Amino acid sequence: MTISIQSAVDSLIEVHAGSNPLVPLSATHGDFTRDHAYTIQDALRAELARRRRKPIAWQLGAASPSG
């Protein structure tokens, strides 16, 4: 892993609360495996639920053929 799950979730929550776009985590922390990305997504979903905030949509930014 190139970034801790909690650090990734904290970054995503900060962006979710504001209006600034997020620099892709892969650009700042290296490539992710699919399992790592899904673990971050699940942790983000759990944190939003804990805060009683419901995601209304997910957006995938696939910038490579493997994405």
PDB file of N, CA and C in Angstrom:
ATOM      1  N   MET A   1       0.843  -1.193   0.000  1.00  0.00           N
ATOM      2  CA  MET A   1       0.000   0.000   0.000  1.00  0.00           C
ATOM      3  C   MET A   1       0.874   1.238   0.000  1.00  0.00           C
ATOM      4  N   THR A   2       0.425   2.224  -0.706  1.00  0.00           N
ATOM      5  CA  THR A   2       1.191   3.451  -0.790  1.00  0.00           C
ATOM      6  C   THR A   2       0.629   4.551   0.099  1.00  0.00           C
ATOM      7  N   ILE A   3      -0.586   4.389   0.562  1.00  0.00           N
ATOM      8  CA  ILE A   3      -1.213   5.349   1.475  1.00  0.00           C
ATOM      9  C   ILE A   3      -2.079   4.538   2.436  1.00  0.00           C
ATOM     10  N   SER A   4      -2.120   4.992   3.672  1.00  0.00           N
ATOM     11  CA  SER A   4      -2.962   4.261   4.619  1.00  0.00           C
ATOM     12  C   SER A   4      -4.434   4.462   4.256  1.00  0.00           C
ATOM     13  N   ILE A   5      -5.227   3.493   4.616  1.00  0.00           N
ATOM     14  CA  ILE A   5      -6.665   3.576   4.345  1.00  0.00           C
ATOM     15  C   ILE A   5      -7.237   4.814   5.013  1.00  0.00           C
ATOM     16  N   GLN A   6      -6.877   5.053   6.261  1.00  0.00           N
ATOM     17  CA  GLN A   6      -7.417   6.202   6.990  1.00  0.00           C
ATOM     18  C   GLN A   6      -6.993   7.523   6.360  1.00  0.00           C
ATOM     19  N   SER A   7      -5.749   7.624   5.911  1.00  0.00           N
ATOM     20  CA  SER A   7      -5.293   8.855   5.253  1.00  0.00           C
ATOM     21  C   SER A   7      -6.068   9.105   3.960  1.00  0.00           C
ATOM     22  N   ALA A   8      -6.307   8.045   3.208  1.00  0.00           N
ATOM     23  CA  ALA A   8      -7.069   8.184   1.975  1.00  0.00           C
ATOM     24  C   ALA A   8      -8.493   8.631   2.278  1.00  0.00           C
ATOM     25  N   VAL A   9      -9.114   8.007   3.268  1.00  0.00           N
ATOM     26  CA  VAL A   9     -10.483   8.370   3.644  1.00  0.00           C
ATOM     27  C   VAL A   9     -10.523   9.815   4.125  1.00  0.00           C
ATOM     28  N   ASP A  10      -9.571  10.219   4.938  1.00  0.00           N
ATOM     29  CA  ASP A  10      -9.530  11.609   5.422  1.00  0.00           C
ATOM     30  C   ASP A  10      -9.446  12.587   4.251  1.00  0.00           C
ATOM     31  N   SER A  11      -8.602  12.278   3.270  1.00  0.00           N
ATOM     32  CA  SER A  11      -8.479  13.145   2.091  1.00  0.00           C
ATOM     33  C   SER A  11      -9.784  13.218   1.320  1.00  0.00           C
ATOM     34  N   LEU A  12     -10.431  12.085   1.144  1.00  0.00           N
ATOM     35  CA  LEU A  12     -11.690  12.054   0.401  1.00  0.00           C
ATOM     36  C   LEU A  12     -12.816  12.764   1.146  1.00  0.00           C
ATOM     37  N   ILE A  13     -12.865  12.617   2.453  1.00  0.00           N
ATOM     38  CA  ILE A  13     -13.875  13.313   3.264  1.00  0.00           C
ATOM     39  C   ILE A  13     -13.674  14.821   3.174  1.00  0.00           C
ATOM     40  N   GLU A  14     -12.432  15.257   3.217  1.00  0.00           N
ATOM     41  CA  GLU A  14     -12.136  16.688   3.121  1.00  0.00           C
ATOM     42  C   GLU A  14     -12.630  17.248   1.787  1.00  0.00           C
ATOM     43  N   VAL A  15     -12.382  16.535   0.706  1.00  0.00           N
ATOM     44  CA  VAL A  15     -12.842  16.970  -0.608  1.00  0.00           C
ATOM     45  C   VAL A  15     -14.362  16.898  -0.697  1.00  0.00           C
ATOM     46  N   HIS A  16     -14.940  15.852  -0.137  1.00  0.00           N
ATOM     47  CA  HIS A  16     -16.398  15.679  -0.157  1.00  0.00           C
ATOM     48  C   HIS A  16     -17.092  16.853   0.530  1.00  0.00           C
ATOM     49  N   ALA A  17     -16.472  17.388   1.565  1.00  0.00           N
ATOM     50  CA  ALA A  17     -17.069  18.488   2.328  1.00  0.00           C
ATOM     51  C   ALA A  17     -16.907  19.839   1.628  1.00  0.00           C
ATOM     52  N   GLY A  18     -15.979  19.930   0.706  1.00  0.00           N
ATOM     53  CA  GLY A  18     -15.719  21.204   0.047  1.00  0.00           C
ATOM     54  C   GLY A  18     -16.067  21.171  -1.424  1.00  0.00           C
ATOM     55  N   SER A  19     -15.496  22.114  -2.150  1.00  0.00           N
ATOM     56  CA  SER A  19     -15.786  22.177  -3.583  1.00  0.00           C
ATOM     57  C   SER A  19     -14.524  22.057  -4.433  1.00  0.00           C
ATOM     58  N   ASN A  20     -13.392  21.793  -3.808  1.00  0.00           N
ATOM     59  CA  ASN A  20     -12.152  21.662  -4.558  1.00  0.00           C
ATOM     60  C   ASN A  20     -12.007  20.240  -5.084  1.00  0.00           C
ATOM     61  N   PRO A  21     -11.523  20.102  -6.306  1.00  0.00           N
ATOM     62  CA  PRO A  21     -11.317  18.754  -6.835  1.00  0.00           C
ATOM     63  C   PRO A  21     -10.138  18.075  -6.134  1.00  0.00           C
ATOM     64  N   LEU A  22     -10.165  16.785  -6.126  1.00  0.00           N
ATOM     65  CA  LEU A  22      -9.103  15.999  -5.518  1.00  0.00           C
ATOM     66  C   LEU A  22      -8.068  15.646  -6.561  1.00  0.00           C
ATOM     67  N   VAL A  23      -6.811  15.881  -6.231  1.00  0.00           N
ATOM     68  CA  VAL A  23      -5.744  15.368  -7.076  1.00  0.00           C
ATOM     69  C   VAL A  23      -5.793  13.858  -6.903  1.00  0.00           C
ATOM     70  N   PRO A  24      -5.791  13.108  -7.980  1.00  0.00           N
ATOM     71  CA  PRO A  24      -5.904  11.654  -7.832  1.00  0.00           C
ATOM     72  C   PRO A  24      -4.882  11.096  -6.837  1.00  0.00           C
ATOM     73  N   LEU A  25      -5.353  10.243  -5.951  1.00  0.00           N
ATOM     74  CA  LEU A  25      -4.453   9.656  -4.954  1.00  0.00           C
ATOM     75  C   LEU A  25      -3.315   8.896  -5.626  1.00  0.00           C
ATOM     76  N   SER A  26      -3.578   8.326  -6.780  1.00  0.00           N
ATOM     77  CA  SER A  26      -2.525   7.599  -7.489  1.00  0.00           C
ATOM     78  C   SER A  26      -1.440   8.547  -8.005  1.00  0.00           C
ATOM     79  N   ALA A  27      -1.785   9.806  -8.232  1.00  0.00           N
ATOM     80  CA  ALA A  27      -0.796  10.781  -8.687  1.00  0.00           C
ATOM     81  C   ALA A  27       0.123  11.214  -7.551  1.00  0.00           C
ATOM     82  N   THR A  28      -0.394  11.200  -6.354  1.00  0.00           N
ATOM     83  CA  THR A  28       0.404  11.651  -5.209  1.00  0.00           C
ATOM     84  C   THR A  28       0.965  10.508  -4.376  1.00  0.00           C
ATOM     85  N   HIS A  29       0.396   9.317  -4.509  1.00  0.00           N
ATOM     86  CA  HIS A  29       0.820   8.196  -3.666  1.00  0.00           C
ATOM     87  C   HIS A  29       1.137   6.928  -4.439  1.00  0.00           C
ATOM     88  N   GLY A  30       1.213   7.001  -5.745  1.00  0.00           N
ATOM     89  CA  GLY A  30       1.546   5.818  -6.536  1.00  0.00           C
ATOM     90  C   GLY A  30       0.330   4.998  -6.907  1.00  0.00           C
ATOM     91  N   ASP A  31       0.597   3.938  -7.638  1.00  0.00           N
ATOM     92  CA  ASP A  31      -0.487   3.086  -8.111  1.00  0.00           C
ATOM     93  C   ASP A  31      -1.138   2.296  -6.982  1.00  0.00           C
ATOM     94  N   PHE A  32      -2.382   1.930  -7.201  1.00  0.00           N
ATOM     95  CA  PHE A  32      -3.156   1.152  -6.248  1.00  0.00           C
ATOM     96  C   PHE A  32      -3.556  -0.161  -6.892  1.00  0.00           C
ATOM     97  N   THR A  33      -3.678  -1.170  -6.084  1.00  0.00           N
ATOM     98  CA  THR A  33      -4.284  -2.400  -6.581  1.00  0.00           C
ATOM     99  C   THR A  33      -5.798  -2.210  -6.545  1.00  0.00           C
ATOM    100  N   ARG A  34      -6.486  -3.052  -7.262  1.00  0.00           N
ATOM    101  CA  ARG A  34      -7.952  -2.990  -7.238  1.00  0.00           C
ATOM    102  C   ARG A  34      -8.463  -3.251  -5.824  1.00  0.00           C
ATOM    103  N   ASP A  35      -7.866  -4.217  -5.133  1.00  0.00           N
ATOM    104  CA  ASP A  35      -8.294  -4.522  -3.764  1.00  0.00           C
ATOM    105  C   ASP A  35      -8.099  -3.328  -2.834  1.00  0.00           C
ATOM    106  N   HIS A  36      -6.973  -2.621  -2.974  1.00  0.00           N
ATOM    107  CA  HIS A  36      -6.716  -1.447  -2.142  1.00  0.00           C
ATOM    108  C   HIS A  36      -7.752  -0.360  -2.431  1.00  0.00           C
ATOM    109  N   ALA A  37      -8.052  -0.146  -3.702  1.00  0.00           N
ATOM    110  CA  ALA A  37      -9.038   0.877  -4.067  1.00  0.00           C
ATOM    111  C   ALA A  37     -10.417   0.542  -3.501  1.00  0.00           C
ATOM    112  N   TYR A  38     -10.821  -0.724  -3.587  1.00  0.00           N
ATOM    113  CA  TYR A  38     -12.118  -1.119  -3.030  1.00  0.00           C
ATOM    114  C   TYR A  38     -12.131  -1.024  -1.501  1.00  0.00           C
ATOM    115  N   THR A  39     -11.002  -1.296  -0.875  1.00  0.00           N
ATOM    116  CA  THR A  39     -10.918  -1.161   0.582  1.00  0.00           C
ATOM    117  C   THR A  39     -11.095   0.300   0.986  1.00  0.00           C
ATOM    118  N   ILE A  40     -10.469   1.208   0.238  1.00  0.00           N
ATOM    119  CA  ILE A  40     -10.641   2.641   0.502  1.00  0.00           C
ATOM    120  C   ILE A  40     -12.097   3.035   0.291  1.00  0.00           C
ATOM    121  N   GLN A  41     -12.703   2.570  -0.798  1.00  0.00           N
ATOM    122  CA  GLN A  41     -14.106   2.894  -1.074  1.00  0.00           C
ATOM    123  C   GLN A  41     -15.018   2.408   0.040  1.00  0.00           C
ATOM    124  N   ASP A  42     -14.804   1.180   0.497  1.00  0.00           N
ATOM    125  CA  ASP A  42     -15.636   0.634   1.575  1.00  0.00           C
ATOM    126  C   ASP A  42     -15.450   1.409   2.871  1.00  0.00           C
ATOM    127  N   ALA A  43     -14.210   1.795   3.158  1.00  0.00           N
ATOM    128  CA  ALA A  43     -13.933   2.579   4.365  1.00  0.00           C
ATOM    129  C   ALA A  43     -14.570   3.968   4.267  1.00  0.00           C
ATOM    130  N   LEU A  44     -14.541   4.558   3.081  1.00  0.00           N
ATOM    131  CA  LEU A  44     -15.185   5.864   2.881  1.00  0.00           C
ATOM    132  C   LEU A  44     -16.689   5.745   3.084  1.00  0.00           C
ATOM    133  N   ARG A  45     -17.295   4.716   2.510  1.00  0.00           N
ATOM    134  CA  ARG A  45     -18.734   4.502   2.676  1.00  0.00           C
ATOM    135  C   ARG A  45     -19.084   4.346   4.156  1.00  0.00           C
ATOM    136  N   ALA A  46     -18.273   3.588   4.882  1.00  0.00           N
ATOM    137  CA  ALA A  46     -18.520   3.384   6.312  1.00  0.00           C
ATOM    138  C   ALA A  46     -18.384   4.695   7.088  1.00  0.00           C
ATOM    139  N   GLU A  47     -17.396   5.498   6.730  1.00  0.00           N
ATOM    140  CA  GLU A  47     -17.212   6.776   7.428  1.00  0.00           C
ATOM    141  C   GLU A  47     -18.364   7.731   7.135  1.00  0.00           C
ATOM    142  N   LEU A  48     -18.817   7.763   5.893  1.00  0.00           N
ATOM    143  CA  LEU A  48     -19.971   8.621   5.569  1.00  0.00           C
ATOM    144  C   LEU A  48     -21.208   8.153   6.331  1.00  0.00           C
ATOM    145  N   ALA A  49     -21.402   6.851   6.432  1.00  0.00           N
ATOM    146  CA  ALA A  49     -22.546   6.321   7.184  1.00  0.00           C
ATOM    147  C   ALA A  49     -22.420   6.676   8.659  1.00  0.00           C
ATOM    148  N   ARG A  50     -21.199   6.587   9.192  1.00  0.00           N
ATOM    149  CA  ARG A  50     -20.985   6.930  10.597  1.00  0.00           C
ATOM    150  C   ARG A  50     -21.357   8.390  10.851  1.00  0.00           C
ATOM    151  N   ARG A  51     -21.079   9.238   9.878  1.00  0.00           N
ATOM    152  CA  ARG A  51     -21.400  10.662  10.000  1.00  0.00           C
ATOM    153  C   ARG A  51     -22.834  10.969   9.563  1.00  0.00           C
ATOM    154  N   ARG A  52     -23.592   9.918   9.271  1.00  0.00           N
ATOM    155  CA  ARG A  52     -24.971  10.024   8.802  1.00  0.00           C
ATOM    156  C   ARG A  52     -25.077  10.839   7.512  1.00  0.00           C
ATOM    157  N   ARG A  53     -24.087  10.658   6.664  1.00  0.00           N
ATOM    158  CA  ARG A  53     -24.084  11.284   5.345  1.00  0.00           C
ATOM    159  C   ARG A  53     -24.098  10.168   4.319  1.00  0.00           C
ATOM    160  N   LYS A  54     -24.977  10.277   3.377  1.00  0.00           N
ATOM    161  CA  LYS A  54     -25.158   9.232   2.400  1.00  0.00           C
ATOM    162  C   LYS A  54     -24.589   9.679   1.052  1.00  0.00           C
ATOM    163  N   PRO A  55     -23.709   8.875   0.461  1.00  0.00           N
ATOM    164  CA  PRO A  55     -23.243   9.248  -0.873  1.00  0.00           C
ATOM    165  C   PRO A  55     -24.393   9.144  -1.876  1.00  0.00           C
ATOM    166  N   ILE A  56     -24.468  10.092  -2.783  1.00  0.00           N
ATOM    167  CA  ILE A  56     -25.555  10.055  -3.755  1.00  0.00           C
ATOM    168  C   ILE A  56     -25.078   9.514  -5.096  1.00  0.00           C
ATOM    169  N   ALA A  57     -23.773   9.466  -5.292  1.00  0.00           N
ATOM    170  CA  ALA A  57     -23.238   8.960  -6.556  1.00  0.00           C
ATOM    171  C   ALA A  57     -21.768   8.633  -6.382  1.00  0.00           C
ATOM    172  N   TRP A  58     -21.295   7.762  -7.237  1.00  0.00           N
ATOM    173  CA  TRP A  58     -19.869   7.451  -7.305  1.00  0.00           C
ATOM    174  C   TRP A  58     -19.398   7.810  -8.699  1.00  0.00           C
ATOM    175  N   GLN A  59     -18.200   8.316  -8.792  1.00  0.00           N
ATOM    176  CA  GLN A  59     -17.641   8.647 -10.094  1.00  0.00           C
ATOM    177  C   GLN A  59     -16.281   7.970 -10.214  1.00  0.00           C
ATOM    178  N   LEU A  60     -16.079   7.272 -11.297  1.00  0.00           N
ATOM    179  CA  LEU A  60     -14.826   6.597 -11.550  1.00  0.00           C
ATOM    180  C   LEU A  60     -14.040   7.400 -12.566  1.00  0.00           C
ATOM    181  N   GLY A  61     -12.818   7.708 -12.232  1.00  0.00           N
ATOM    182  CA  GLY A  61     -11.935   8.368 -13.182  1.00  0.00           C
ATOM    183  C   GLY A  61     -10.918   7.360 -13.669  1.00  0.00           C
ATOM    184  N   ALA A  62     -11.190   6.698 -14.767  1.00  0.00           N
ATOM    185  CA  ALA A  62     -10.287   5.687 -15.305  1.00  0.00           C
ATOM    186  C   ALA A  62      -9.374   6.347 -16.311  1.00  0.00           C
ATOM    187  N   ALA A  63      -8.152   6.593 -15.906  1.00  0.00           N
ATOM    188  CA  ALA A  63      -7.210   7.317 -16.764  1.00  0.00           C
ATOM    189  C   ALA A  63      -6.237   6.383 -17.480  1.00  0.00           C
ATOM    190  N   SER A  64      -6.428   5.085 -17.328  1.00  0.00           N
ATOM    191  CA  SER A  64      -5.546   4.147 -18.008  1.00  0.00           C
ATOM    192  C   SER A  64      -6.367   2.989 -18.557  1.00  0.00           C
ATOM    193  N   PRO A  65      -5.838   2.279 -19.519  1.00  0.00           N
ATOM    194  CA  PRO A  65      -6.581   1.137 -20.072  1.00  0.00           C
ATOM    195  C   PRO A  65      -6.942   0.093 -19.027  1.00  0.00           C
ATOM    196  N   SER A  66      -6.081  -0.097 -18.023  1.00  0.00           N
ATOM    197  CA  SER A  66      -6.389  -1.094 -16.994  1.00  0.00           C
ATOM    198  C   SER A  66      -7.496  -0.624 -16.061  1.00  0.00           C
ATOM    199  N   GLY A  67      -7.748   0.685 -16.014  1.00  0.00           N
ATOM    200  CA  GLY A  67      -8.792   1.217 -15.157  1.00  0.00           C
ATOM    201  C   GLY A  67     -10.142   0.982 -15.749  1.00  0.00           C
TER     202      GLY A  67
END
